[in-house]
Amino acid sequence: MISKETATELALTHREIEVAETLLAEVKAAMDRNSSGGDFRDVFGRRTHHLELGVPSGATSKRLFQVPYSLAVPVIEATIASNRAVLAALCIKAAEENQA
């Protein structure tokens, strides 16, 4: 039987992939709606002319403003690929734990 920790990591990794794939679809749809790079809106419905990138969250957070739209798709795709690699490793770990 696989450990609780491995099962949790598997579930969280699956969730991260799902969220990233949904975000990727939304970003691509917004970019398709506007030939100038994207139709992104803030919470008030106003069109934004850039993206923000915040890393990490919390009291010591840092934020980049004016991140070009063109960087969104490759960053999200890289995140998905990275999480799929983690998922593959976790599947191997789960199989090993199941054999023990």
N, C-alpha and C. Protein backbone atom coordinates (compact mmCIF):
# COMPACT_ATOMS: atom_id res chain seq x y z
N MET A 1 0.84 -1.18 0.00
CA MET A 1 0.00 0.00 0.00
C MET A 1 0.89 1.25 0.00
N ILE A 2 0.48 2.26 -0.78
CA ILE A 2 1.29 3.48 -0.83
C ILE A 2 1.06 4.31 0.43
N SER A 3 2.04 5.12 0.75
CA SER A 3 1.95 5.93 1.97
C SER A 3 0.98 7.09 1.78
N LYS A 4 0.52 7.60 2.90
CA LYS A 4 -0.38 8.75 2.89
C LYS A 4 0.31 9.96 2.24
N GLU A 5 1.59 10.12 2.53
CA GLU A 5 2.35 11.25 1.98
C GLU A 5 2.43 11.18 0.45
N THR A 6 2.70 9.98 -0.06
CA THR A 6 2.78 9.80 -1.52
C THR A 6 1.42 10.03 -2.15
N ALA A 7 0.37 9.52 -1.53
CA ALA A 7 -0.98 9.72 -2.06
C ALA A 7 -1.33 11.21 -2.09
N THR A 8 -0.97 11.92 -1.03
CA THR A 8 -1.23 13.35 -0.97
C THR A 8 -0.45 14.09 -2.05
N GLU A 9 0.82 13.76 -2.20
CA GLU A 9 1.65 14.39 -3.24
C GLU A 9 1.08 14.12 -4.63
N LEU A 10 0.62 12.89 -4.87
CA LEU A 10 0.01 12.55 -6.15
C LEU A 10 -1.24 13.42 -6.41
N ALA A 11 -2.09 13.53 -5.41
CA ALA A 11 -3.32 14.31 -5.56
C ALA A 11 -3.02 15.78 -5.79
N LEU A 12 -2.09 16.33 -5.03
CA LEU A 12 -1.74 17.75 -5.18
C LEU A 12 -1.09 18.03 -6.54
N THR A 13 -0.28 17.11 -7.00
CA THR A 13 0.36 17.29 -8.31
C THR A 13 -0.67 17.22 -9.42
N HIS A 14 -1.59 16.28 -9.32
CA HIS A 14 -2.68 16.21 -10.31
C HIS A 14 -3.45 17.53 -10.32
N ARG A 15 -3.73 18.07 -9.14
CA ARG A 15 -4.50 19.32 -9.04
C ARG A 15 -3.73 20.48 -9.67
N GLU A 16 -2.44 20.56 -9.43
CA GLU A 16 -1.62 21.62 -10.02
C GLU A 16 -1.65 21.56 -11.54
N ILE A 17 -1.59 20.34 -12.08
CA ILE A 17 -1.64 20.17 -13.53
C ILE A 17 -2.99 20.63 -14.06
N GLU A 18 -4.08 20.23 -13.39
CA GLU A 18 -5.42 20.64 -13.82
C GLU A 18 -5.57 22.16 -13.82
N VAL A 19 -5.12 22.80 -12.75
CA VAL A 19 -5.23 24.26 -12.63
C VAL A 19 -4.40 24.94 -13.72
N ALA A 20 -3.19 24.46 -13.95
CA ALA A 20 -2.32 25.04 -14.97
C ALA A 20 -2.89 24.86 -16.37
N GLU A 21 -3.46 23.69 -16.64
CA GLU A 21 -4.06 23.46 -17.97
C GLU A 21 -5.27 24.36 -18.19
N THR A 22 -6.08 24.58 -17.16
CA THR A 22 -7.21 25.48 -17.26
C THR A 22 -6.73 26.91 -17.50
N LEU A 23 -5.73 27.33 -16.74
CA LEU A 23 -5.17 28.67 -16.92
C LEU A 23 -4.59 28.84 -18.32
N LEU A 24 -3.90 27.83 -18.81
CA LEU A 24 -3.31 27.89 -20.15
C LEU A 24 -4.41 28.07 -21.20
N ALA A 25 -5.48 27.32 -21.07
CA ALA A 25 -6.59 27.45 -22.02
C ALA A 25 -7.20 28.85 -21.97
N GLU A 26 -7.35 29.39 -20.77
CA GLU A 26 -7.91 30.74 -20.62
C GLU A 26 -6.99 31.80 -21.21
N VAL A 27 -5.69 31.66 -20.98
CA VAL A 27 -4.73 32.62 -21.50
C VAL A 27 -4.71 32.57 -23.03
N LYS A 28 -4.68 31.36 -23.58
CA LYS A 28 -4.68 31.22 -25.04
C LYS A 28 -5.96 31.80 -25.64
N ALA A 29 -7.10 31.57 -25.00
CA ALA A 29 -8.37 32.12 -25.50
C ALA A 29 -8.35 33.64 -25.46
N ALA A 30 -7.82 34.21 -24.38
CA ALA A 30 -7.73 35.66 -24.27
C ALA A 30 -6.80 36.24 -25.32
N MET A 31 -5.71 35.55 -25.60
CA MET A 31 -4.77 36.02 -26.60
C MET A 31 -5.37 35.92 -28.00
N ASP A 32 -6.19 34.89 -28.24
CA ASP A 32 -6.84 34.72 -29.54
C ASP A 32 -7.89 35.81 -29.80
N ARG A 33 -8.51 36.30 -28.72
CA ARG A 33 -9.55 37.32 -28.86
C ARG A 33 -8.99 38.67 -29.28
N ASN A 34 -7.70 38.86 -29.10
CA ASN A 34 -7.13 40.17 -29.40
C ASN A 34 -5.78 39.99 -30.07
N SER A 35 -5.66 40.46 -31.27
CA SER A 35 -4.42 40.27 -32.04
C SER A 35 -3.24 41.02 -31.46
N SER A 36 -3.47 41.98 -30.57
CA SER A 36 -2.35 42.74 -30.00
C SER A 36 -1.75 42.04 -28.80
N GLY A 37 -2.13 40.80 -28.54
CA GLY A 37 -1.46 40.04 -27.50
C GLY A 37 -2.33 39.51 -26.39
N GLY A 38 -3.55 39.97 -26.27
CA GLY A 38 -4.39 39.40 -25.23
C GLY A 38 -5.48 40.35 -24.80
N ASP A 39 -6.55 39.76 -24.34
CA ASP A 39 -7.67 40.54 -23.82
C ASP A 39 -7.83 40.15 -22.36
N PHE A 40 -6.94 40.63 -21.54
CA PHE A 40 -6.95 40.30 -20.13
C PHE A 40 -7.62 41.44 -19.37
N ARG A 41 -8.45 41.08 -18.41
CA ARG A 41 -9.22 42.08 -17.66
C ARG A 41 -8.94 41.91 -16.17
N ASP A 42 -8.97 43.03 -15.44
CA ASP A 42 -8.83 42.96 -13.99
C ASP A 42 -10.19 42.62 -13.37
N VAL A 43 -10.27 42.60 -12.06
CA VAL A 43 -11.50 42.21 -11.39
C VAL A 43 -12.64 43.19 -11.64
N PHE A 44 -12.33 44.38 -12.12
CA PHE A 44 -13.35 45.38 -12.41
C PHE A 44 -13.74 45.39 -13.88
N GLY A 45 -13.16 44.47 -14.66
CA GLY A 45 -13.49 44.38 -16.07
C GLY A 45 -12.68 45.31 -16.96
N ARG A 46 -11.71 46.02 -16.37
CA ARG A 46 -10.88 46.92 -17.17
C ARG A 46 -9.78 46.12 -17.84
N ARG A 47 -9.50 46.46 -19.08
CA ARG A 47 -8.45 45.78 -19.84
C ARG A 47 -7.09 46.13 -19.26
N THR A 48 -6.27 45.12 -19.05
CA THR A 48 -4.91 45.35 -18.57
C THR A 48 -3.96 45.24 -19.75
N HIS A 49 -2.85 45.92 -19.66
CA HIS A 49 -1.89 45.94 -20.76
C HIS A 49 -0.61 45.17 -20.42
N HIS A 50 -0.66 44.44 -19.34
CA HIS A 50 0.49 43.65 -18.91
C HIS A 50 0.01 42.59 -17.91
N LEU A 51 0.90 41.71 -17.58
CA LEU A 51 0.64 40.71 -16.56
C LEU A 51 1.51 41.00 -15.36
N GLU A 52 1.15 40.46 -14.21
CA GLU A 52 1.95 40.58 -13.01
C GLU A 52 2.43 39.19 -12.62
N LEU A 53 3.61 39.12 -12.06
CA LEU A 53 4.15 37.86 -11.59
C LEU A 53 4.58 38.07 -10.14
N GLY A 54 3.99 37.32 -9.24
CA GLY A 54 4.32 37.43 -7.83
C GLY A 54 4.97 36.18 -7.31
N VAL A 55 6.13 36.34 -6.66
CA VAL A 55 6.85 35.19 -6.11
C VAL A 55 7.57 35.62 -4.86
N PRO A 56 7.52 34.97 -3.78
CA PRO A 56 6.41 34.13 -3.32
C PRO A 56 5.33 35.01 -2.70
N SER A 57 4.29 34.40 -2.19
CA SER A 57 3.25 35.19 -1.54
C SER A 57 3.61 35.35 -0.07
N GLY A 58 2.96 36.26 0.60
CA GLY A 58 3.22 36.47 2.01
C GLY A 58 3.86 37.82 2.28
N ALA A 59 4.33 37.99 3.50
CA ALA A 59 4.88 39.28 3.94
C ALA A 59 6.14 39.67 3.17
N THR A 60 6.89 38.70 2.69
CA THR A 60 8.14 39.00 1.98
C THR A 60 7.98 38.86 0.48
N SER A 61 6.77 39.00 0.00
CA SER A 61 6.51 38.77 -1.42
C SER A 61 7.15 39.84 -2.28
N LYS A 62 7.48 39.45 -3.46
CA LYS A 62 8.01 40.35 -4.48
C LYS A 62 7.11 40.22 -5.69
N ARG A 63 6.95 41.29 -6.43
CA ARG A 63 6.06 41.26 -7.58
C ARG A 63 6.70 42.00 -8.75
N LEU A 64 6.62 41.38 -9.92
CA LEU A 64 7.05 42.01 -11.16
C LEU A 64 5.83 42.56 -11.87
N PHE A 65 5.93 43.76 -12.34
CA PHE A 65 4.86 44.37 -13.12
C PHE A 65 5.34 44.46 -14.56
N GLN A 66 4.44 44.69 -15.47
CA GLN A 66 4.77 44.85 -16.88
C GLN A 66 5.38 43.59 -17.50
N VAL A 67 4.96 42.42 -17.06
CA VAL A 67 5.42 41.17 -17.65
C VAL A 67 4.69 41.00 -18.99
N PRO A 68 5.43 40.82 -20.08
CA PRO A 68 4.79 40.71 -21.40
C PRO A 68 3.88 39.49 -21.50
N TYR A 69 2.77 39.66 -22.23
CA TYR A 69 1.84 38.56 -22.46
C TYR A 69 2.55 37.36 -23.09
N SER A 70 3.52 37.63 -23.95
CA SER A 70 4.19 36.55 -24.68
C SER A 70 4.90 35.56 -23.76
N LEU A 71 5.16 35.94 -22.51
CA LEU A 71 5.82 35.03 -21.58
C LEU A 71 4.85 34.09 -20.87
N ALA A 72 3.57 34.41 -20.88
CA ALA A 72 2.60 33.63 -20.11
C ALA A 72 2.52 32.18 -20.58
N VAL A 73 2.37 31.97 -21.88
CA VAL A 73 2.18 30.61 -22.39
C VAL A 73 3.41 29.73 -22.12
N PRO A 74 4.64 30.17 -22.43
CA PRO A 74 5.78 29.30 -22.16
C PRO A 74 5.98 29.01 -20.66
N VAL A 75 5.68 29.97 -19.81
CA VAL A 75 5.83 29.74 -18.37
C VAL A 75 4.83 28.70 -17.89
N ILE A 76 3.58 28.83 -18.33
CA ILE A 76 2.56 27.86 -17.91
C ILE A 76 2.86 26.48 -18.48
N GLU A 77 3.27 26.42 -19.74
CA GLU A 77 3.62 25.12 -20.35
C GLU A 77 4.79 24.47 -19.63
N ALA A 78 5.78 25.27 -19.24
CA ALA A 78 6.92 24.72 -18.50
C ALA A 78 6.48 24.21 -17.13
N THR A 79 5.56 24.91 -16.50
CA THR A 79 5.03 24.47 -15.21
C THR A 79 4.31 23.13 -15.35
N ILE A 80 3.51 23.01 -16.40
CA ILE A 80 2.80 21.75 -16.64
C ILE A 80 3.80 20.62 -16.88
N ALA A 81 4.80 20.86 -17.71
CA ALA A 81 5.81 19.83 -17.99
C ALA A 81 6.55 19.42 -16.73
N SER A 82 6.90 20.40 -15.92
CA SER A 82 7.61 20.11 -14.67
C SER A 82 6.74 19.26 -13.74
N ASN A 83 5.47 19.62 -13.63
CA ASN A 83 4.58 18.84 -12.77
C ASN A 83 4.31 17.44 -13.32
N ARG A 84 4.29 17.30 -14.63
CA ARG A 84 4.13 15.95 -15.21
C ARG A 84 5.36 15.09 -14.91
N ALA A 85 6.54 15.69 -14.89
CA ALA A 85 7.75 14.94 -14.53
C ALA A 85 7.70 14.52 -13.07
N VAL A 86 7.23 15.41 -12.21
CA VAL A 86 7.08 15.07 -10.80
C VAL A 86 6.05 13.95 -10.65
N LEU A 87 4.96 14.04 -11.40
CA LEU A 87 3.92 13.01 -11.35
C LEU A 87 4.47 11.65 -11.77
N ALA A 88 5.28 11.63 -12.81
CA ALA A 88 5.87 10.37 -13.27
C ALA A 88 6.76 9.76 -12.17
N ALA A 89 7.54 10.61 -11.52
CA ALA A 89 8.41 10.13 -10.43
C ALA A 89 7.57 9.62 -9.26
N LEU A 90 6.49 10.32 -8.97
CA LEU A 90 5.62 9.88 -7.88
C LEU A 90 4.94 8.56 -8.20
N CYS A 91 4.60 8.34 -9.46
CA CYS A 91 3.99 7.06 -9.86
C CYS A 91 4.97 5.91 -9.65
N ILE A 92 6.23 6.15 -9.98
CA ILE A 92 7.26 5.12 -9.74
C ILE A 92 7.39 4.86 -8.25
N LYS A 93 7.43 5.95 -7.47
CA LYS A 93 7.53 5.81 -6.01
C LYS A 93 6.33 5.04 -5.46
N ALA A 94 5.13 5.35 -5.95
CA ALA A 94 3.92 4.65 -5.48
C ALA A 94 3.98 3.17 -5.83
N ALA A 95 4.46 2.86 -7.04
CA ALA A 95 4.57 1.46 -7.43
C ALA A 95 5.56 0.72 -6.55
N GLU A 96 6.68 1.37 -6.22
CA GLU A 96 7.67 0.75 -5.32
C GLU A 96 7.10 0.53 -3.93
N GLU A 97 6.37 1.53 -3.44
CA GLU A 97 5.75 1.41 -2.11
C GLU A 97 4.69 0.30 -2.11
N ASN A 98 4.01 0.16 -3.21
CA ASN A 98 2.96 -0.86 -3.31
C ASN A 98 3.55 -2.26 -3.33
N GLN A 99 4.79 -2.39 -3.84
CA GLN A 99 5.47 -3.69 -3.88
C GLN A 99 6.02 -4.10 -2.53
N ALA A 100 6.28 -3.10 -1.69
CA ALA A 100 6.90 -3.39 -0.39
C ALA A 100 5.95 -4.00 0.60
